Amino acid sequence: MNYPENDRPEVTPRSLAEWISFTIASIILSIVVVLVIYSWATIQDKPPILGVAQK
């Protein structure tokens, strides 16, 4: 967005708590992505472990 020179919003640096939260969330997301890719890459043509049965 183009602001006039004197109306630009001030950019404040991120706090330590924000960086820690971002780092933890990124690590958790990375672990989930790696596990999904690993599971997808190593899965064989097996039937599902769980099944649904009607009485």
N, C-alpha and C. Protein backbone atom coordinates (compact mmCIF):
# COMPACT_ATOMS: atom_id res chain seq x y z
N MET A 1 0.85 -1.16 0.00
CA MET A 1 0.00 0.00 0.00
C MET A 1 0.89 1.23 0.00
N ASN A 2 0.52 2.20 -0.75
CA ASN A 2 1.31 3.41 -0.84
C ASN A 2 0.76 4.47 0.11
N TYR A 3 1.58 4.85 1.07
CA TYR A 3 1.21 5.88 2.02
C TYR A 3 1.99 7.14 1.69
N PRO A 4 1.40 8.29 1.98
CA PRO A 4 2.21 9.51 1.88
C PRO A 4 3.39 9.42 2.84
N GLU A 5 4.42 10.13 2.57
CA GLU A 5 5.68 10.01 3.32
C GLU A 5 5.48 10.19 4.83
N ASN A 6 4.62 11.08 5.26
CA ASN A 6 4.47 11.35 6.69
C ASN A 6 3.34 10.53 7.33
N ASP A 7 2.59 9.72 6.58
CA ASP A 7 1.49 8.93 7.13
C ASP A 7 1.78 7.44 7.19
N ARG A 8 3.01 7.04 7.00
CA ARG A 8 3.36 5.62 7.02
C ARG A 8 3.22 5.08 8.44
N PRO A 9 2.62 3.88 8.57
CA PRO A 9 2.53 3.31 9.92
C PRO A 9 3.91 2.90 10.42
N GLU A 10 4.10 3.06 11.70
CA GLU A 10 5.40 2.73 12.29
C GLU A 10 5.52 1.22 12.45
N VAL A 11 6.63 0.68 11.99
CA VAL A 11 6.88 -0.75 12.10
C VAL A 11 7.66 -1.01 13.37
N THR A 12 7.08 -1.85 14.24
CA THR A 12 7.76 -2.17 15.48
C THR A 12 8.34 -3.57 15.38
N PRO A 13 9.50 -3.78 15.96
CA PRO A 13 10.10 -5.12 15.91
C PRO A 13 9.28 -6.10 16.75
N ARG A 14 9.37 -7.37 16.39
CA ARG A 14 8.66 -8.42 17.12
C ARG A 14 9.28 -8.63 18.49
N SER A 15 8.44 -8.96 19.44
CA SER A 15 8.93 -9.21 20.79
C SER A 15 9.48 -10.63 20.88
N LEU A 16 10.19 -10.91 21.96
CA LEU A 16 10.75 -12.24 22.17
C LEU A 16 9.64 -13.29 22.26
N ALA A 17 8.54 -12.95 22.91
CA ALA A 17 7.43 -13.90 23.04
C ALA A 17 6.85 -14.26 21.67
N GLU A 18 6.75 -13.28 20.78
CA GLU A 18 6.24 -13.55 19.43
C GLU A 18 7.18 -14.48 18.67
N TRP A 19 8.48 -14.24 18.79
CA TRP A 19 9.45 -15.10 18.11
C TRP A 19 9.43 -16.52 18.66
N ILE A 20 9.29 -16.66 19.97
CA ILE A 20 9.23 -17.99 20.58
C ILE A 20 7.97 -18.72 20.12
N SER A 21 6.83 -18.03 20.12
CA SER A 21 5.57 -18.63 19.66
C SER A 21 5.68 -19.05 18.20
N PHE A 22 6.24 -18.18 17.38
CA PHE A 22 6.41 -18.49 15.96
C PHE A 22 7.32 -19.69 15.76
N THR A 23 8.40 -19.76 16.52
CA THR A 23 9.35 -20.87 16.40
C THR A 23 8.71 -22.19 16.81
N ILE A 24 7.99 -22.20 17.92
CA ILE A 24 7.33 -23.42 18.38
C ILE A 24 6.27 -23.88 17.38
N ALA A 25 5.47 -22.95 16.88
CA ALA A 25 4.44 -23.30 15.90
C ALA A 25 5.07 -23.83 14.62
N SER A 26 6.17 -23.22 14.19
CA SER A 26 6.86 -23.68 12.98
C SER A 26 7.43 -25.08 13.16
N ILE A 27 7.98 -25.36 14.33
CA ILE A 27 8.54 -26.69 14.60
C ILE A 27 7.43 -27.74 14.59
N ILE A 28 6.31 -27.44 15.26
CA ILE A 28 5.19 -28.39 15.29
C ILE A 28 4.66 -28.63 13.88
N LEU A 29 4.48 -27.57 13.11
CA LEU A 29 4.01 -27.72 11.73
C LEU A 29 4.99 -28.53 10.90
N SER A 30 6.27 -28.29 11.06
CA SER A 30 7.29 -29.03 10.31
C SER A 30 7.25 -30.52 10.66
N ILE A 31 7.09 -30.83 11.95
CA ILE A 31 7.03 -32.23 12.38
C ILE A 31 5.81 -32.91 11.76
N VAL A 32 4.67 -32.25 11.76
CA VAL A 32 3.46 -32.84 11.16
C VAL A 32 3.65 -33.07 9.67
N VAL A 33 4.22 -32.11 8.97
CA VAL A 33 4.44 -32.26 7.53
C VAL A 33 5.41 -33.41 7.25
N VAL A 34 6.49 -33.50 8.02
CA VAL A 34 7.46 -34.58 7.83
C VAL A 34 6.81 -35.93 8.10
N LEU A 35 6.01 -36.04 9.15
CA LEU A 35 5.35 -37.31 9.46
C LEU A 35 4.35 -37.71 8.37
N VAL A 36 3.62 -36.76 7.85
CA VAL A 36 2.68 -37.07 6.77
C VAL A 36 3.42 -37.52 5.52
N ILE A 37 4.48 -36.84 5.17
CA ILE A 37 5.26 -37.24 3.99
C ILE A 37 5.91 -38.60 4.21
N TYR A 38 6.45 -38.83 5.40
CA TYR A 38 7.05 -40.13 5.71
C TYR A 38 6.00 -41.24 5.63
N SER A 39 4.85 -40.99 6.21
CA SER A 39 3.78 -41.99 6.18
C SER A 39 3.34 -42.27 4.74
N TRP A 40 3.22 -41.23 3.94
CA TRP A 40 2.81 -41.39 2.55
C TRP A 40 3.87 -42.14 1.75
N ALA A 41 5.15 -41.86 2.02
CA ALA A 41 6.23 -42.48 1.26
C ALA A 41 6.46 -43.94 1.64
N THR A 42 6.17 -44.29 2.88
CA THR A 42 6.47 -45.65 3.33
C THR A 42 5.25 -46.56 3.36
N ILE A 43 4.09 -46.03 3.07
CA ILE A 43 2.88 -46.86 3.14
C ILE A 43 2.89 -47.86 1.98
N GLN A 44 2.42 -49.03 2.28
CA GLN A 44 2.29 -50.05 1.25
C GLN A 44 0.80 -50.24 0.98
N ASP A 45 0.47 -51.02 0.00
CA ASP A 45 -0.93 -51.22 -0.34
C ASP A 45 -1.57 -52.16 0.66
N LYS A 46 -1.82 -51.64 1.83
CA LYS A 46 -2.44 -52.41 2.90
C LYS A 46 -3.86 -51.89 3.10
N PRO A 47 -4.75 -52.75 3.55
CA PRO A 47 -6.08 -52.26 3.87
C PRO A 47 -6.04 -51.39 5.12
N PRO A 48 -7.06 -50.60 5.35
CA PRO A 48 -7.08 -49.76 6.54
C PRO A 48 -7.03 -50.59 7.82
N ILE A 49 -6.44 -50.06 8.85
CA ILE A 49 -6.33 -50.77 10.12
C ILE A 49 -7.69 -50.86 10.80
N LEU A 50 -8.46 -49.80 10.73
CA LEU A 50 -9.77 -49.76 11.36
C LEU A 50 -10.86 -50.00 10.32
N GLY A 51 -11.94 -50.60 10.76
CA GLY A 51 -13.05 -50.83 9.86
C GLY A 51 -14.36 -50.54 10.56
N VAL A 52 -15.41 -50.35 9.78
CA VAL A 52 -16.73 -50.08 10.32
C VAL A 52 -17.61 -51.27 10.00
N ALA A 53 -18.30 -51.78 11.03
CA ALA A 53 -19.18 -52.93 10.82
C ALA A 53 -20.58 -52.58 11.32
N GLN A 54 -21.59 -53.05 10.60
CA GLN A 54 -22.97 -52.84 11.01
C GLN A 54 -23.45 -54.04 11.79
N LYS A 55 -24.30 -53.82 12.76
CA LYS A 55 -24.87 -54.92 13.53
C LYS A 55 -26.11 -55.46 12.88
